[in-house]
Amino acid sequence: MSTLSEPEGALGPEIVFVSGLSGSGKTTAMAALEDLSFYCVDNLPPQLAAQFLDLCAKATPPIEKIAMAVDAREQRFLEGFPDAVGELRRGGARVRILFLDSTDEVLLNRYRETRRVHPLSPSGSVDEGIARERSLLVAVSQLADATLDTSSLNVHQLKDAIVRQISGHEKETVVNIVSFGFRSGPPSAAELLFDVRFLPNPYFVEELRPRSGLESDVASYVLDSPVTGELMERLEGLLDFLLPLYDREGKAYVTIGVGCTGGRHRSVAVASKLTARLRERGRAVNLEHRDVEREGGA
């Protein structure tokens, strides 16, 4: 597997062309690029490619990251592809070409599993379609800045490989932390739920009851407890273990729910503290206090 390095000195838009054998993972690759904030286009008619890139440049603001899938079925586009790439690079665009390959045996197995016909051999054998496609894509494969053999990769490994090729490093999982009250039900999207109803409750302190865990003295009432300190250490240790595993799996985000009875005091304080600790480690974290404005508490 070669490395897909970014062209030096280019200041224009970043354009990634994704090509390869049908069944080698182009759809997964485009999804990975979309997660990297690329504007992705698949099966664009070749006669519209130049017009599309021009529209991207004229958008407000201009679209600076573009990914386009190159399909062997678009033979007119393939014929003019080398010249088009050269013209884009001369115009200052940062163009990279990623070619996905796989062994014939693996491709045959994938087609058998999905029971799909090969796009270049709709009424013939898959073997014939693969052979024809390889022949048509020779010029594109020779132009590729990086070739990735996907034969032994599952979907998650392929997405991770694409991210590494394009960004040069592993894309970390984004953490969404939601404080909530069990009285209103847990957030449906949460993969991890932590119940903090055993912590000291400001609801039973008259001057703190009408306020929220967003205020420093209310938060201190919860966080200064020894049991809260131990809880935070254990939560951080668990996430230090889990998050790199999510990163490796290519998970785009994970949602963590922190709940107390009403979602106003304890869960808010703990969720805010956990967010701060993770951000100190450089992790991208989004924080939402779902029920902090609801009446009640406890």
Protein backbone atom coordinates (compact mmCIF):
# COMPACT_ATOMS: atom_id res chain seq x y z
CA MET A 1 0.00 0.00 0.00
CA SER A 2 1.53 3.30 -1.08
CA THR A 3 1.06 6.56 0.75
CA LEU A 4 -1.35 9.22 -0.48
CA SER A 5 0.71 12.32 0.27
CA GLU A 6 -0.72 15.76 -0.41
CA PRO A 7 0.90 17.67 -3.28
CA GLU A 8 3.29 20.33 -2.02
CA GLY A 9 2.80 23.98 -2.78
CA ALA A 10 -0.75 23.72 -4.09
CA LEU A 11 -3.16 26.26 -2.63
CA GLY A 12 -6.37 25.47 -4.49
CA PRO A 13 -9.22 23.16 -3.55
CA GLU A 14 -8.48 19.65 -2.31
CA ILE A 15 -9.86 17.09 -4.76
CA VAL A 16 -9.73 13.33 -4.20
CA PHE A 17 -10.66 10.98 -7.02
CA VAL A 18 -11.65 7.52 -5.82
CA SER A 19 -11.52 4.70 -8.32
CA GLY A 20 -11.04 0.95 -8.37
CA LEU A 21 -12.66 -2.39 -9.04
CA SER A 22 -16.38 -2.78 -8.39
CA GLY A 23 -16.71 -4.53 -5.06
CA SER A 24 -13.41 -3.22 -3.74
CA GLY A 25 -15.01 -0.71 -1.37
CA LYS A 26 -15.56 2.59 -3.22
CA THR A 27 -18.85 3.22 -1.41
CA THR A 28 -17.17 2.74 1.97
CA ALA A 29 -14.28 4.98 0.90
CA MET A 30 -16.66 7.76 -0.10
CA ALA A 31 -18.47 7.46 3.24
CA ALA A 32 -15.13 7.82 5.05
CA LEU A 33 -14.31 10.92 3.01
CA GLU A 34 -17.72 12.37 3.84
CA ASP A 35 -16.86 11.90 7.52
CA LEU A 36 -13.73 13.96 6.81
CA SER A 37 -15.96 16.82 5.58
CA PHE A 38 -15.45 16.20 1.87
CA TYR A 39 -18.30 17.05 -0.47
CA CYS A 40 -18.79 13.68 -2.13
CA VAL A 41 -20.23 12.98 -5.58
CA ASP A 42 -20.74 9.53 -7.07
CA ASN A 43 -21.64 8.59 -10.65
CA LEU A 44 -21.48 12.16 -11.93
CA PRO A 45 -21.91 12.21 -15.73
CA PRO A 46 -18.47 12.96 -17.24
CA GLN A 47 -19.72 15.92 -19.26
CA LEU A 48 -20.81 17.62 -16.01
CA ALA A 49 -17.57 17.16 -14.05
CA ALA A 50 -15.91 20.42 -15.10
CA GLN A 51 -19.14 22.36 -14.57
CA PHE A 52 -19.57 20.80 -11.13
CA LEU A 53 -16.05 21.78 -10.02
CA ASP A 54 -16.65 25.30 -11.33
CA LEU A 55 -19.87 25.55 -9.28
CA CYS A 56 -17.97 24.38 -6.18
CA ALA A 57 -15.43 27.17 -6.70
CA LYS A 58 -18.19 29.78 -7.07
CA ALA A 59 -20.19 28.63 -4.04
CA THR A 60 -20.41 30.93 -0.99
CA PRO A 61 -18.20 30.00 0.73
CA PRO A 62 -16.29 28.00 -1.90
CA ILE A 63 -16.33 24.22 -1.43
CA GLU A 64 -12.68 23.43 -0.75
CA LYS A 65 -12.81 19.67 -0.16
CA ILE A 66 -14.28 17.53 -2.94
CA ALA A 67 -14.32 13.78 -3.51
CA MET A 68 -15.45 12.21 -6.79
CA ALA A 69 -15.85 8.54 -7.60
CA VAL A 70 -14.46 7.47 -10.97
CA ASP A 71 -16.39 4.55 -12.45
CA ALA A 72 -15.22 2.25 -15.25
CA ARG A 73 -18.68 2.53 -16.82
CA GLU A 74 -18.01 6.17 -17.69
CA GLN A 75 -15.57 5.41 -20.52
CA ARG A 76 -15.60 8.94 -21.95
CA PHE A 77 -14.56 10.29 -18.57
CA LEU A 78 -11.80 7.68 -18.31
CA GLU A 79 -10.42 8.61 -21.71
CA GLY A 80 -10.06 12.26 -20.74
CA PHE A 81 -9.15 11.62 -17.11
CA PRO A 82 -5.32 12.08 -17.38
CA ASP A 83 -5.71 15.41 -19.17
CA ALA A 84 -8.38 16.56 -16.69
CA VAL A 85 -6.13 15.77 -13.72
CA GLY A 86 -3.21 17.59 -15.30
CA GLU A 87 -5.34 20.66 -15.99
CA LEU A 88 -6.65 20.74 -12.41
CA ARG A 89 -3.14 20.53 -10.99
CA ARG A 90 -1.85 23.27 -13.29
CA GLY A 91 -4.73 25.40 -12.01
CA GLY A 92 -3.51 24.99 -8.42
CA ALA A 93 -5.85 22.25 -7.22
CA ARG A 94 -4.50 19.69 -4.75
CA VAL A 95 -5.49 16.58 -6.64
CA ARG A 96 -4.99 13.08 -5.26
CA ILE A 97 -6.06 9.79 -6.81
CA LEU A 98 -6.88 6.78 -4.65
CA PHE A 99 -7.23 3.41 -6.36
CA LEU A 100 -8.91 0.49 -4.58
CA ASP A 101 -7.98 -3.02 -5.65
CA SER A 102 -8.74 -6.53 -4.49
CA THR A 103 -7.96 -10.05 -5.61
CA ASP A 104 -10.27 -11.63 -8.16
CA GLU A 105 -11.11 -14.38 -5.67
CA VAL A 106 -12.23 -11.92 -3.01
CA LEU A 107 -14.26 -9.91 -5.53
CA LEU A 108 -15.98 -13.08 -6.73
CA ASN A 109 -16.85 -14.02 -3.15
CA ARG A 110 -18.26 -10.56 -2.46
CA TYR A 111 -20.48 -10.76 -5.52
CA ARG A 112 -21.66 -14.22 -4.51
CA GLU A 113 -22.53 -12.98 -1.01
CA THR A 114 -24.52 -9.99 -2.29
CA ARG A 115 -25.95 -11.84 -5.32
CA ARG A 116 -25.43 -8.77 -7.47
CA VAL A 117 -24.54 -8.76 -11.15
CA HIS A 118 -21.30 -7.12 -12.24
CA PRO A 119 -21.98 -3.68 -13.80
CA LEU A 120 -19.75 -4.46 -16.80
CA SER A 121 -21.22 -7.91 -17.34
CA PRO A 122 -24.93 -7.67 -16.49
CA SER A 123 -25.85 -10.73 -18.57
CA GLY A 124 -22.55 -12.61 -18.34
CA SER A 125 -20.23 -13.96 -15.67
CA VAL A 126 -18.72 -11.95 -12.86
CA ASP A 127 -15.28 -13.19 -13.94
CA GLU A 128 -15.74 -11.56 -17.33
CA GLY A 129 -16.88 -8.31 -15.74
CA ILE A 130 -13.85 -8.17 -13.44
CA ALA A 131 -11.45 -8.84 -16.32
CA ARG A 132 -13.03 -6.15 -18.48
CA GLU A 133 -13.03 -3.63 -15.66
CA ARG A 134 -9.35 -4.23 -14.89
CA SER A 135 -8.55 -3.55 -18.53
CA LEU A 136 -10.54 -0.31 -18.60
CA LEU A 137 -8.99 1.00 -15.37
CA VAL A 138 -5.33 0.42 -16.26
CA ALA A 139 -4.68 4.09 -17.07
CA VAL A 140 -6.36 5.28 -13.87
CA SER A 141 -4.45 2.78 -11.72
CA GLN A 142 -1.18 3.97 -13.24
CA LEU A 143 -2.03 7.57 -12.36
CA ALA A 144 -2.95 6.72 -8.76
CA ASP A 145 -1.07 8.46 -5.97
CA ALA A 146 -1.98 5.54 -3.69
CA THR A 147 -3.26 2.02 -4.24
CA LEU A 148 -5.05 0.22 -1.44
CA ASP A 149 -5.60 -3.54 -1.50
CA THR A 150 -8.87 -4.14 0.34
CA SER A 151 -8.86 -7.93 0.09
CA SER A 152 -8.34 -8.55 3.80
CA LEU A 153 -10.11 -5.46 5.18
CA ASN A 154 -13.54 -5.31 6.77
CA VAL A 155 -15.67 -2.15 6.49
CA HIS A 156 -14.27 -0.56 9.67
CA GLN A 157 -10.66 -1.32 8.75
CA LEU A 158 -11.18 0.10 5.27
CA LYS A 159 -12.66 3.34 6.62
CA ASP A 160 -9.73 3.67 9.01
CA ALA A 161 -7.27 3.07 6.17
CA ILE A 162 -8.95 5.76 4.04
CA VAL A 163 -8.82 8.26 6.90
CA ARG A 164 -5.13 7.53 7.43
CA GLN A 165 -4.39 7.89 3.72
CA ILE A 166 -6.16 11.22 3.37
CA SER A 167 -5.52 12.93 6.71
CA GLY A 168 -2.24 11.25 7.59
CA HIS A 169 -3.51 10.15 10.99
CA GLU A 170 -6.30 8.28 12.67
CA LYS A 171 -9.51 10.28 13.04
CA GLU A 172 -10.62 10.29 16.65
CA THR A 173 -14.17 9.46 17.63
CA VAL A 174 -16.16 12.57 18.58
CA VAL A 175 -17.77 12.34 22.02
CA ASN A 176 -21.28 13.67 22.63
CA ILE A 177 -22.10 14.04 26.33
CA VAL A 178 -25.73 14.58 27.33
CA SER A 179 -26.91 15.31 30.86
CA PHE A 180 -30.51 14.27 31.44
CA GLY A 181 -33.17 13.44 33.99
CA PHE A 182 -34.49 9.90 34.30
CA ARG A 183 -37.88 11.46 35.01
CA SER A 184 -38.03 12.38 31.30
CA GLY A 185 -36.38 9.21 30.05
CA PRO A 186 -32.80 8.53 28.90
CA PRO A 187 -31.55 9.83 25.52
CA SER A 188 -32.38 7.24 22.88
CA ALA A 189 -29.11 7.67 20.97
CA ALA A 190 -26.77 7.05 23.90
CA GLU A 191 -24.36 4.11 23.65
CA LEU A 192 -23.18 4.57 27.25
CA LEU A 193 -25.41 5.56 30.21
CA PHE A 194 -24.22 6.52 33.68
CA ASP A 195 -26.63 6.91 36.57
CA VAL A 196 -25.38 9.45 39.16
CA ARG A 197 -28.45 9.50 41.44
CA PHE A 198 -26.32 8.22 44.35
CA LEU A 199 -24.33 11.49 44.54
CA PRO A 200 -25.06 14.32 47.03
CA ASN A 201 -28.20 16.09 45.86
CA PRO A 202 -28.38 19.93 45.86
CA TYR A 203 -32.15 19.64 45.58
CA PHE A 204 -32.31 19.07 49.33
CA VAL A 205 -30.38 22.28 50.09
CA GLU A 206 -32.91 25.08 50.09
CA GLU A 207 -30.67 27.81 48.64
CA LEU A 208 -29.35 25.50 45.89
CA ARG A 209 -32.63 23.85 44.88
CA PRO A 210 -33.87 26.46 42.37
CA ARG A 211 -30.46 26.74 40.71
CA SER A 212 -28.57 24.34 38.41
CA GLY A 213 -25.31 22.45 38.16
CA LEU A 214 -24.08 25.09 35.72
CA GLU A 215 -23.45 27.39 38.69
CA SER A 216 -20.11 26.92 40.44
CA ASP A 217 -21.33 26.53 44.03
CA VAL A 218 -24.01 24.02 43.01
CA ALA A 219 -21.43 22.07 40.99
CA SER A 220 -19.00 22.19 43.93
CA TYR A 221 -21.61 20.71 46.23
CA VAL A 222 -21.74 17.68 43.93
CA LEU A 223 -18.12 17.46 42.79
CA ASP A 224 -16.38 18.04 46.14
CA SER A 225 -17.81 14.85 47.59
CA PRO A 226 -15.20 12.04 47.95
CA VAL A 227 -17.55 9.59 46.24
CA THR A 228 -17.85 11.95 43.26
CA GLY A 229 -14.06 12.21 43.09
CA GLU A 230 -13.75 8.45 42.96
CA LEU A 231 -16.53 8.24 40.38
CA MET A 232 -14.77 10.75 38.12
CA GLU A 233 -11.51 8.80 38.31
CA ARG A 234 -13.26 5.58 37.37
CA LEU A 235 -15.23 7.19 34.54
CA GLU A 236 -12.10 8.77 33.10
CA GLY A 237 -10.23 5.47 33.36
CA LEU A 238 -13.04 3.64 31.58
CA LEU A 239 -13.15 6.20 28.77
CA ASP A 240 -9.35 6.21 28.48
CA PHE A 241 -9.72 2.50 27.75
CA LEU A 242 -12.82 2.64 25.51
CA LEU A 243 -12.26 5.70 23.32
CA PRO A 244 -9.05 4.47 21.60
CA LEU A 245 -10.92 1.25 20.79
CA TYR A 246 -13.73 3.29 19.22
CA ASP A 247 -11.07 5.27 17.31
CA ARG A 248 -9.55 2.06 15.99
CA GLU A 249 -12.96 0.75 14.95
CA GLY A 250 -13.58 3.92 12.93
CA LYS A 251 -16.62 4.97 14.96
CA ALA A 252 -17.50 8.54 14.00
CA TYR A 253 -19.03 9.47 17.37
CA VAL A 254 -20.16 8.02 20.67
CA THR A 255 -22.93 9.45 22.84
CA ILE A 256 -22.62 9.29 26.62
CA GLY A 257 -25.63 9.97 28.81
CA VAL A 258 -25.19 11.13 32.41
CA GLY A 259 -28.45 11.01 34.33
CA CYS A 260 -29.90 12.03 37.68
CA THR A 261 -33.54 12.31 38.72
CA GLY A 262 -34.49 15.64 37.18
CA GLY A 263 -31.43 16.41 35.04
CA ARG A 264 -30.82 19.78 36.69
CA HIS A 265 -28.12 19.39 39.35
CA ARG A 266 -25.97 16.26 39.65
CA SER A 267 -25.95 15.11 36.03
CA VAL A 268 -25.20 18.63 34.83
CA ALA A 269 -22.24 19.02 37.16
CA VAL A 270 -20.76 15.61 36.35
CA ALA A 271 -21.30 15.93 32.59
CA SER A 272 -19.66 19.37 32.58
CA LYS A 273 -16.67 18.12 34.56
CA LEU A 274 -16.26 15.04 32.38
CA THR A 275 -16.39 17.22 29.26
CA ALA A 276 -13.68 19.50 30.63
CA ARG A 277 -11.42 16.55 31.51
CA LEU A 278 -11.77 14.99 28.05
CA ARG A 279 -11.14 18.31 26.31
CA GLU A 280 -7.97 18.71 28.37
CA ARG A 281 -6.82 15.45 26.76
CA GLY A 282 -7.45 16.92 23.30
CA ARG A 283 -10.66 14.99 22.61
CA ALA A 284 -13.41 16.67 20.56
CA VAL A 285 -16.46 16.79 22.84
CA ASN A 286 -19.97 18.19 22.36
CA LEU A 287 -21.97 18.90 25.53
CA GLU A 288 -25.74 19.14 25.86
CA HIS A 289 -27.77 19.67 29.04
CA ARG A 290 -31.08 18.30 27.84
CA ASP A 291 -33.28 18.86 30.90
CA VAL A 292 -31.57 21.65 32.81
CA GLU A 293 -34.40 24.11 32.08
CA ARG A 294 -37.19 21.76 33.07
CA GLU A 295 -39.16 22.43 36.22
CA GLY A 296 -38.29 20.34 39.25
CA GLY A 297 -35.04 18.66 40.10
CA ALA A 298 -33.91 16.06 42.63
